[in-house]
Amino acid sequence: QVQVAESGGGLVQPGGSLRLTCVVSGGNFSAGAMDWYRQAPGKEREWVASVTSGGCPLYTESAKGRFTISRDNAKNTVTLQMGWLRPEDTAVYYCRPTRTTAWGGGTQVTVSS
């Protein structure tokens, strides 16, 4: 059974940076793509970025140029480096293996002055 745990969230001022980490246990981590999603209060969960099994990144338009997704198959981890954060980036951030329902508990990111 695949288990996912996100960490690294916190409170940051606009323009600041945060690095989120997702650790995956169980399953065959290196064989599949991984996603980051986020859910703001009162809104639907939305896709932010993905990284393929080969390490190729994909981003939503709002994340391009500000966020970087990467993976370490030796450590079963996926990271989301976020920069130039905006108040509208405030949300709970989740990761999962692509096309699965193996969500973690999420990590809260709050961007506020």
C-alpha atoms as a PDB file:
ATOM      1  CA  GLN A   1       0.000   0.000   0.000  1.00  0.00           C
ATOM      2  CA  VAL A   2       1.332   3.397  -1.013  1.00  0.00           C
ATOM      3  CA  GLN A   3       1.623   6.048   1.692  1.00  0.00           C
ATOM      4  CA  VAL A   4       2.442   9.691   1.125  1.00  0.00           C
ATOM      5  CA  ALA A   5       3.620  12.357   3.569  1.00  0.00           C
ATOM      6  CA  GLU A   6       4.067  16.040   2.741  1.00  0.00           C
ATOM      7  CA  SER A   7       6.072  18.547   4.761  1.00  0.00           C
ATOM      8  CA  GLY A   8       7.745  21.922   4.529  1.00  0.00           C
ATOM      9  CA  GLY A   9       4.818  24.294   4.605  1.00  0.00           C
ATOM     10  CA  GLY A  10       4.639  27.405   6.747  1.00  0.00           C
ATOM     11  CA  LEU A  11       4.011  31.117   6.888  1.00  0.00           C
ATOM     12  CA  VAL A  12       5.976  33.248   4.457  1.00  0.00           C
ATOM     13  CA  GLN A  13       5.798  36.849   3.302  1.00  0.00           C
ATOM     14  CA  PRO A  14       4.860  37.719  -0.283  1.00  0.00           C
ATOM     15  CA  GLY A  15       7.891  37.301  -2.492  1.00  0.00           C
ATOM     16  CA  GLY A  16       9.361  34.646  -0.230  1.00  0.00           C
ATOM     17  CA  SER A  17      10.233  31.017  -0.841  1.00  0.00           C
ATOM     18  CA  LEU A  18       9.364  27.609   0.546  1.00  0.00           C
ATOM     19  CA  ARG A  19      10.485  24.096  -0.241  1.00  0.00           C
ATOM     20  CA  LEU A  20       7.904  21.342   0.065  1.00  0.00           C
ATOM     21  CA  THR A  21       8.886  17.697   0.328  1.00  0.00           C
ATOM     22  CA  CYS A  22       6.830  14.593  -0.341  1.00  0.00           C
ATOM     23  CA  VAL A  23       8.020  11.191   0.858  1.00  0.00           C
ATOM     24  CA  VAL A  24       6.444   8.091  -0.642  1.00  0.00           C
ATOM     25  CA  SER A  25       6.555   4.607   0.855  1.00  0.00           C
ATOM     26  CA  GLY A  26       5.325   1.405  -0.752  1.00  0.00           C
ATOM     27  CA  GLY A  27       4.691   0.854  -4.430  1.00  0.00           C
ATOM     28  CA  ASN A  28       7.234   1.355  -7.190  1.00  0.00           C
ATOM     29  CA  PHE A  29       8.100   5.025  -6.824  1.00  0.00           C
ATOM     30  CA  SER A  30      10.545   5.333  -9.689  1.00  0.00           C
ATOM     31  CA  ALA A  31       8.157   3.825 -12.233  1.00  0.00           C
ATOM     32  CA  GLY A  32       5.498   6.517 -12.195  1.00  0.00           C
ATOM     33  CA  ALA A  33       4.878  10.224 -12.412  1.00  0.00           C
ATOM     34  CA  MET A  34       4.155  12.323  -9.325  1.00  0.00           C
ATOM     35  CA  ASP A  35       1.818  15.292  -8.888  1.00  0.00           C
ATOM     36  CA  TRP A  36       1.524  18.288  -6.586  1.00  0.00           C
ATOM     37  CA  TYR A  37      -1.935  19.744  -6.034  1.00  0.00           C
ATOM     38  CA  ARG A  38      -3.261  22.473  -3.769  1.00  0.00           C
ATOM     39  CA  GLN A  39      -6.572  23.383  -2.217  1.00  0.00           C
ATOM     40  CA  ALA A  40      -7.403  26.862  -1.013  1.00  0.00           C
ATOM     41  CA  PRO A  41     -10.243  27.478   1.458  1.00  0.00           C
ATOM     42  CA  GLY A  42     -13.604  27.161  -0.251  1.00  0.00           C
ATOM     43  CA  LYS A  43     -12.079  26.088  -3.556  1.00  0.00           C
ATOM     44  CA  GLU A  44     -11.611  22.879  -5.500  1.00  0.00           C
ATOM     45  CA  ARG A  45      -8.326  21.036  -5.315  1.00  0.00           C
ATOM     46  CA  GLU A  46      -6.245  22.105  -8.314  1.00  0.00           C
ATOM     47  CA  TRP A  47      -3.231  20.689 -10.066  1.00  0.00           C
ATOM     48  CA  VAL A  48       0.035  22.604  -9.646  1.00  0.00           C
ATOM     49  CA  ALA A  49       2.840  20.525 -11.154  1.00  0.00           C
ATOM     50  CA  SER A  50       3.892  17.036 -12.160  1.00  0.00           C
ATOM     51  CA  VAL A  51       7.166  15.260 -12.756  1.00  0.00           C
ATOM     52  CA  THR A  52       7.413  12.223 -15.004  1.00  0.00           C
ATOM     53  CA  SER A  53       9.245   9.055 -14.073  1.00  0.00           C
ATOM     54  CA  GLY A  54      12.142  10.359 -16.135  1.00  0.00           C
ATOM     55  CA  GLY A  55      12.223  13.685 -14.338  1.00  0.00           C
ATOM     56  CA  CYS A  56      10.473  15.899 -16.892  1.00  0.00           C
ATOM     57  CA  PRO A  57       8.460  18.671 -15.222  1.00  0.00           C
ATOM     58  CA  LEU A  58       5.038  20.054 -16.094  1.00  0.00           C
ATOM     59  CA  TYR A  59       3.478  23.145 -14.523  1.00  0.00           C
ATOM     60  CA  THR A  60       0.229  24.973 -14.380  1.00  0.00           C
ATOM     61  CA  GLU A  61       0.462  28.438 -15.906  1.00  0.00           C
ATOM     62  CA  SER A  62       0.565  30.206 -12.535  1.00  0.00           C
ATOM     63  CA  ALA A  63       3.498  28.083 -11.378  1.00  0.00           C
ATOM     64  CA  LYS A  64       5.687  28.488 -14.434  1.00  0.00           C
ATOM     65  CA  GLY A  65       8.809  30.485 -13.700  1.00  0.00           C
ATOM     66  CA  ARG A  66       8.186  30.467  -9.947  1.00  0.00           C
ATOM     67  CA  PHE A  67       7.994  26.803  -8.910  1.00  0.00           C
ATOM     68  CA  THR A  68      10.363  23.922  -9.615  1.00  0.00           C
ATOM     69  CA  ILE A  69       9.379  20.281  -9.193  1.00  0.00           C
ATOM     70  CA  SER A  70      11.999  17.570  -8.927  1.00  0.00           C
ATOM     71  CA  ARG A  71      12.352  14.013  -7.722  1.00  0.00           C
ATOM     72  CA  ASP A  72      14.955  11.797  -6.105  1.00  0.00           C
ATOM     73  CA  ASN A  73      14.222   8.181  -6.933  1.00  0.00           C
ATOM     74  CA  ALA A  74      16.900   6.952  -4.525  1.00  0.00           C
ATOM     75  CA  LYS A  75      15.075   8.626  -1.633  1.00  0.00           C
ATOM     76  CA  ASN A  76      11.475   8.199  -2.891  1.00  0.00           C
ATOM     77  CA  THR A  77      10.938  11.938  -2.597  1.00  0.00           C
ATOM     78  CA  VAL A  78       9.447  14.699  -4.683  1.00  0.00           C
ATOM     79  CA  THR A  79      10.127  18.336  -3.910  1.00  0.00           C
ATOM     80  CA  LEU A  80       8.371  21.513  -4.906  1.00  0.00           C
ATOM     81  CA  GLN A  81      10.604  24.559  -4.649  1.00  0.00           C
ATOM     82  CA  MET A  82       8.361  27.612  -4.594  1.00  0.00           C
ATOM     83  CA  GLY A  83       9.578  31.146  -5.092  1.00  0.00           C
ATOM     84  CA  TRP A  84       8.084  34.598  -5.571  1.00  0.00           C
ATOM     85  CA  LEU A  85       5.145  33.457  -3.503  1.00  0.00           C
ATOM     86  CA  ARG A  86       1.885  35.387  -3.677  1.00  0.00           C
ATOM     87  CA  PRO A  87      -1.067  35.562  -1.274  1.00  0.00           C
ATOM     88  CA  GLU A  88      -3.098  33.576  -3.812  1.00  0.00           C
ATOM     89  CA  ASP A  89      -0.661  30.672  -3.373  1.00  0.00           C
ATOM     90  CA  THR A  90      -2.069  30.174   0.123  1.00  0.00           C
ATOM     91  CA  ALA A  91      -3.474  26.645   0.277  1.00  0.00           C
ATOM     92  CA  VAL A  92      -2.949  23.167   1.601  1.00  0.00           C
ATOM     93  CA  TYR A  93      -0.515  21.416  -0.733  1.00  0.00           C
ATOM     94  CA  TYR A  94      -0.793  17.708  -1.475  1.00  0.00           C
ATOM     95  CA  CYS A  95       1.187  15.228  -3.516  1.00  0.00           C
ATOM     96  CA  ARG A  96       0.264  11.869  -4.959  1.00  0.00           C
ATOM     97  CA  PRO A  97       1.440   9.307  -7.485  1.00  0.00           C
ATOM     98  CA  THR A  98      -0.248  10.306 -10.733  1.00  0.00           C
ATOM     99  CA  ARG A  99      -3.694   8.798 -11.353  1.00  0.00           C
ATOM    100  CA  THR A 100      -3.986   7.351  -7.863  1.00  0.00           C
ATOM    101  CA  THR A 101      -5.945   8.312  -4.793  1.00  0.00           C
ATOM    102  CA  ALA A 102      -2.935   7.927  -2.493  1.00  0.00           C
ATOM    103  CA  TRP A 103      -3.105  11.434  -1.012  1.00  0.00           C
ATOM    104  CA  GLY A 104      -1.143  12.503   2.018  1.00  0.00           C
ATOM    105  CA  GLY A 105      -2.448  14.771   4.761  1.00  0.00           C
ATOM    106  CA  GLY A 106      -1.119  17.864   3.045  1.00  0.00           C
ATOM    107  CA  THR A 107       1.017  20.743   4.260  1.00  0.00           C
ATOM    108  CA  GLN A 108      -0.286  24.260   4.835  1.00  0.00           C
ATOM    109  CA  VAL A 109       1.300  27.153   2.958  1.00  0.00           C
ATOM    110  CA  THR A 110       0.279  30.650   4.020  1.00  0.00           C
ATOM    111  CA  VAL A 111       1.560  33.693   2.182  1.00  0.00           C
ATOM    112  CA  SER A 112       0.846  36.842   4.105  1.00  0.00           C
ATOM    113  CA  SER A 113       2.513  39.992   5.336  1.00  0.00           C
END
